[in-house]
Amino acid sequence: MDTRERLNFRIDSFTPETLPMARLAQYLAHLAILYGNDDSVHFEKLRKGSAIVQVRVEDPAFPKVVQRLQSVRMGDPDPEVQKAFRSIDRLLRADNAVGTITRSGKAKLLEFPGRKLPIVDPITIYQPTTIDGVVIRIGGRDDTIPVAIQDQEGAVFTCEIRGRAQAKELSRYFLGETLRVSGNGKWSRTSSGVWALESLLIQSFEVLDNAGFDDVVTALRNVKNNGWADVEDPLGAWKKLRGLDDNF
């Protein structure tokens, strides 16, 4: 008896006869990332009942695959898993479809809203914006000079700075210290409701002090008569000063 688990990804707007091969390849590519465990997940067939992509998962890897799917449902996925989920959902929405992943026995593991997700009109706004990061690219011949800033998580932001003197000053920190750059940010809300920073016109910048929180607290406590030496919970006091709470 074959006890190996199967996962079934159902696309409700297609049948095996109507699903284009190129589109199937796109779904399979993103499903492979979503499932992970490349050597243990095997495509078996395209079944009827709409269009159902059936894969076989080797026993040792199955709990890991299920955990990846559940992490999406619980709202705490790995960035790679989240990106794959969103890519699949975009394909479904473009195909006017919804999708589900079930396991052997019909137990539902994950749902993709697809066409059911409300479409939000794109919006662009401009507002004061601050980002922290390192200058990884700067250069140009015009008065408005392109700049790229990379934050600690690896995200790269498209920026620009006006005036050669200010650009020359900023270029001193190329691939150097972490900066806090501020200016007028262009933010766009996509049709899926996600806000993204498109560009930032840098109007000012400063070098950040890379000292850790403990070092800062120690330095403050060494200053006489400022009250910090008597604070039992410096992190809590800092949050109150910043207007933050534990749920921020």
Protein backbone atom coordinates (compact mmCIF):
# COMPACT_ATOMS: atom_id res chain seq x y z
CA MET A 1 0.00 0.00 0.00
CA ASP A 2 1.33 3.42 -0.98
CA THR A 3 1.32 5.59 2.15
CA ARG A 4 3.12 8.55 0.63
CA GLU A 5 1.24 11.83 0.96
CA ARG A 6 -0.15 13.80 -1.96
CA LEU A 7 -0.81 17.52 -2.14
CA ASN A 8 -3.42 18.82 -4.56
CA PHE A 9 -3.45 22.41 -5.79
CA ARG A 10 -6.83 23.21 -7.38
CA ILE A 11 -7.39 26.02 -9.91
CA ASP A 12 -11.14 26.39 -10.28
CA SER A 13 -11.23 28.30 -13.59
CA PHE A 14 -9.42 25.67 -15.68
CA THR A 15 -9.65 22.03 -16.63
CA PRO A 16 -6.70 19.90 -17.76
CA GLU A 17 -7.88 20.50 -21.33
CA THR A 18 -8.01 24.33 -21.02
CA LEU A 19 -4.97 25.09 -18.83
CA PRO A 20 -2.18 26.37 -21.12
CA MET A 21 1.16 24.62 -20.70
CA ALA A 22 3.03 27.89 -20.23
CA ARG A 23 0.65 28.88 -17.43
CA LEU A 24 1.00 25.48 -15.80
CA ALA A 25 4.77 25.96 -15.83
CA GLN A 26 4.39 29.28 -14.02
CA TYR A 27 2.19 27.73 -11.34
CA LEU A 28 4.60 24.81 -10.91
CA ALA A 29 7.60 27.13 -10.52
CA HIS A 30 5.97 29.06 -7.67
CA LEU A 31 4.53 25.93 -6.08
CA ALA A 32 8.02 24.41 -5.97
CA ILE A 33 9.20 27.41 -3.93
CA LEU A 34 6.10 27.34 -1.73
CA TYR A 35 6.52 23.65 -0.90
CA GLY A 36 10.33 23.75 -0.61
CA ASN A 37 12.19 20.48 0.02
CA ASP A 38 13.05 20.22 -3.67
CA ASP A 39 14.42 16.67 -3.67
CA SER A 40 11.38 15.26 -1.86
CA VAL A 41 8.47 16.83 -3.77
CA HIS A 42 7.57 15.27 -7.13
CA PHE A 43 5.01 16.32 -9.74
CA GLU A 44 2.71 13.39 -10.57
CA LYS A 45 -0.11 14.55 -12.78
CA LEU A 46 -2.76 17.10 -13.68
CA ARG A 47 -6.09 15.74 -12.47
CA LYS A 48 -9.65 16.56 -13.42
CA GLY A 49 -12.08 18.36 -11.12
CA SER A 50 -11.27 21.85 -12.43
CA ALA A 51 -7.48 21.63 -12.86
CA ILE A 52 -5.71 19.92 -9.97
CA VAL A 53 -1.91 19.88 -9.79
CA GLN A 54 -1.05 16.73 -7.85
CA VAL A 55 2.37 16.23 -6.29
CA ARG A 56 3.80 13.40 -4.20
CA VAL A 57 5.77 14.22 -1.06
CA GLU A 58 8.20 11.74 0.44
CA ASP A 59 7.35 10.85 4.04
CA PRO A 60 10.28 12.49 5.90
CA ALA A 61 9.69 15.84 4.20
CA PHE A 62 5.90 16.01 4.49
CA PRO A 63 5.73 17.65 7.97
CA LYS A 64 8.17 20.32 6.79
CA VAL A 65 6.04 21.09 3.73
CA VAL A 66 2.88 21.29 5.85
CA GLN A 67 4.65 23.62 8.28
CA ARG A 68 5.54 25.97 5.40
CA LEU A 69 1.91 26.07 4.28
CA GLN A 70 0.62 26.60 7.80
CA SER A 71 3.06 29.46 8.34
CA VAL A 72 1.26 31.37 5.57
CA ARG A 73 -2.12 30.73 7.16
CA MET A 74 -0.82 31.77 10.58
CA GLY A 75 0.63 34.99 9.16
CA ASP A 76 4.27 34.26 10.00
CA PRO A 77 5.87 32.82 6.85
CA ASP A 78 9.45 32.94 5.68
CA PRO A 79 9.84 35.82 3.15
CA GLU A 80 10.51 33.31 0.34
CA VAL A 81 7.32 31.41 1.18
CA GLN A 82 5.28 34.62 1.40
CA LYS A 83 6.60 35.79 -1.98
CA ALA A 84 5.65 32.46 -3.59
CA PHE A 85 2.15 32.60 -2.07
CA ARG A 86 1.58 36.11 -3.39
CA SER A 87 2.91 35.18 -6.83
CA ILE A 88 0.48 32.25 -7.06
CA ASP A 89 -2.39 34.43 -5.88
CA ARG A 90 -1.58 37.05 -8.54
CA LEU A 91 -1.69 34.35 -11.23
CA LEU A 92 -5.04 33.14 -9.91
CA ARG A 93 -6.46 36.66 -9.88
CA ALA A 94 -5.28 37.20 -13.47
CA ASP A 95 -6.96 33.88 -14.41
CA ASN A 96 -10.20 34.88 -12.61
CA ALA A 97 -9.69 31.90 -10.32
CA VAL A 98 -9.39 30.91 -6.69
CA GLY A 99 -7.13 28.16 -5.43
CA THR A 100 -6.80 25.67 -2.61
CA ILE A 101 -4.20 23.18 -1.47
CA THR A 102 -5.49 19.98 0.09
CA ARG A 103 -3.78 16.83 1.30
CA SER A 104 -4.75 13.20 0.89
CA GLY A 105 -8.18 12.77 2.41
CA LYS A 106 -9.36 16.24 1.30
CA ALA A 107 -8.08 18.12 4.39
CA LYS A 108 -7.66 21.76 3.33
CA LEU A 109 -4.25 23.23 4.15
CA LEU A 110 -4.23 26.61 2.42
CA GLU A 111 -6.54 28.88 0.45
CA PHE A 112 -5.71 31.51 -2.16
CA PRO A 113 -8.32 34.30 -2.44
CA GLY A 114 -7.51 35.03 -6.09
CA ARG A 115 -10.47 36.72 -7.76
CA LYS A 116 -12.26 37.10 -4.40
CA LEU A 117 -9.71 39.60 -3.14
CA PRO A 118 -11.14 43.12 -3.47
CA ILE A 119 -9.31 45.20 -6.05
CA VAL A 120 -7.99 48.46 -4.60
CA ASP A 121 -7.43 51.40 -6.93
CA PRO A 122 -3.75 52.38 -7.15
CA ILE A 123 -2.91 55.58 -5.25
CA THR A 124 0.24 57.70 -5.16
CA ILE A 125 1.02 60.12 -2.33
CA TYR A 126 4.00 62.25 -1.30
CA GLN A 127 4.96 62.55 2.34
CA PRO A 128 7.99 63.14 4.60
CA THR A 129 9.95 59.89 4.78
CA THR A 130 13.03 58.67 6.62
CA ILE A 131 15.04 55.52 5.91
CA ASP A 132 18.23 54.11 7.44
CA GLY A 133 20.83 52.42 5.29
CA VAL A 134 24.09 52.48 3.38
CA VAL A 135 24.75 54.28 0.09
CA ILE A 136 25.48 51.50 -2.40
CA ARG A 137 25.21 53.56 -5.59
CA ILE A 138 25.46 57.26 -6.42
CA GLY A 139 26.28 59.03 -9.63
CA GLY A 140 25.01 61.05 -12.55
CA ARG A 141 25.66 64.15 -14.62
CA ASP A 142 22.45 66.11 -14.12
CA ASP A 143 21.56 68.33 -11.17
CA THR A 144 19.29 65.54 -9.88
CA ILE A 145 21.57 62.59 -9.10
CA PRO A 146 20.35 58.99 -8.61
CA VAL A 147 21.16 57.32 -5.29
CA ALA A 148 20.50 53.79 -4.02
CA ILE A 149 20.23 53.07 -0.28
CA GLN A 150 20.30 49.53 1.14
CA ASP A 151 18.86 48.91 4.61
CA GLN A 152 19.93 46.29 7.15
CA GLU A 153 17.40 43.76 5.81
CA GLY A 154 18.87 44.04 2.30
CA ALA A 155 16.04 46.06 0.75
CA VAL A 156 17.25 48.63 -1.79
CA PHE A 157 15.49 52.00 -2.09
CA THR A 158 15.57 54.25 -5.14
CA CYS A 159 16.48 57.80 -4.14
CA GLU A 160 17.80 60.99 -5.67
CA ILE A 161 19.57 64.09 -4.41
CA ARG A 162 19.66 67.55 -5.96
CA GLY A 163 22.70 69.77 -6.21
CA ARG A 164 26.24 68.66 -6.90
CA ALA A 165 27.62 69.99 -3.63
CA GLN A 166 25.15 67.98 -1.57
CA ALA A 167 25.69 64.91 -3.76
CA LYS A 168 29.45 65.21 -3.33
CA GLU A 169 29.02 65.35 0.44
CA LEU A 170 26.77 62.27 0.38
CA SER A 171 29.26 60.40 -1.83
CA ARG A 172 31.79 60.55 1.03
CA TYR A 173 29.75 57.81 2.71
CA PHE A 174 29.60 55.48 -0.30
CA LEU A 175 29.71 51.89 1.04
CA GLY A 176 30.54 53.38 4.44
CA GLU A 177 28.64 54.32 7.56
CA THR A 178 24.93 53.76 8.06
CA LEU A 179 23.03 56.97 7.35
CA ARG A 180 19.61 58.27 8.19
CA VAL A 181 18.31 59.99 5.08
CA SER A 182 15.17 62.12 5.11
CA GLY A 183 13.15 63.85 2.45
CA ASN A 184 10.02 63.76 0.33
CA GLY A 185 8.95 60.19 -0.36
CA LYS A 186 6.76 59.00 -3.22
CA TRP A 187 4.55 56.16 -1.97
CA SER A 188 2.27 54.04 -4.14
CA ARG A 189 -0.50 51.67 -3.12
CA THR A 190 -0.79 48.75 -5.50
CA SER A 191 -4.04 47.13 -6.59
CA SER A 192 -3.48 44.48 -3.90
CA GLY A 193 -3.44 47.17 -1.20
CA VAL A 194 0.30 47.06 -0.43
CA TRP A 195 2.13 50.38 0.09
CA ALA A 196 5.62 50.68 -1.37
CA LEU A 197 8.17 53.48 -1.45
CA GLU A 198 8.84 54.27 -5.11
CA SER A 199 11.42 56.99 -4.64
CA LEU A 200 12.82 59.43 -2.10
CA LEU A 201 14.10 62.92 -2.78
CA ILE A 202 16.86 63.26 -0.17
CA GLN A 203 16.80 66.64 1.55
CA SER A 204 19.01 65.84 4.56
CA PHE A 205 21.12 63.03 5.99
CA GLU A 206 23.10 62.19 9.10
CA VAL A 207 25.48 59.47 10.22
CA LEU A 208 23.89 57.09 12.70
CA ASP A 209 25.59 56.16 15.93
CA ASN A 210 26.04 52.38 15.74
CA ALA A 211 26.36 52.00 19.51
CA GLY A 212 24.08 49.34 20.97
CA PHE A 213 21.21 50.16 23.32
CA ASP A 214 23.13 48.86 26.36
CA ASP A 215 26.10 51.09 25.53
CA VAL A 216 23.81 54.12 25.21
CA VAL A 217 22.14 53.38 28.56
CA THR A 218 25.53 52.96 30.24
CA ALA A 219 26.69 56.29 28.87
CA LEU A 220 23.50 58.01 30.06
CA ARG A 221 23.81 56.53 33.54
CA ASN A 222 27.36 57.84 33.79
CA VAL A 223 26.08 61.40 33.41
CA LYS A 224 25.41 62.81 36.86
CA ASN A 225 21.97 64.03 37.97
CA ASN A 226 20.07 63.15 34.77
CA GLY A 227 17.84 60.54 36.41
CA TRP A 228 18.80 57.57 34.23
CA ALA A 229 20.88 55.93 36.97
CA ASP A 230 17.65 55.33 38.94
CA VAL A 231 15.59 53.92 36.04
CA GLU A 232 15.01 50.18 36.57
CA ASP A 233 13.58 49.54 33.07
CA PRO A 234 15.44 51.79 30.60
CA LEU A 235 13.91 50.10 27.54
CA GLY A 236 10.39 50.66 28.90
CA ALA A 237 11.24 54.27 29.72
CA TRP A 238 12.62 54.80 26.20
CA LYS A 239 9.42 53.40 24.66
CA LYS A 240 7.30 55.79 26.74
CA LEU A 241 9.43 58.72 25.63
CA ARG A 242 8.96 57.67 21.99
CA GLY A 243 5.22 57.10 22.45
CA LEU A 244 5.59 53.38 21.81
CA ASP A 245 4.17 50.38 23.65
CA ASP A 246 4.92 46.66 23.70
CA ASN A 247 2.49 46.01 20.83
CA PHE A 248 4.11 48.46 18.43
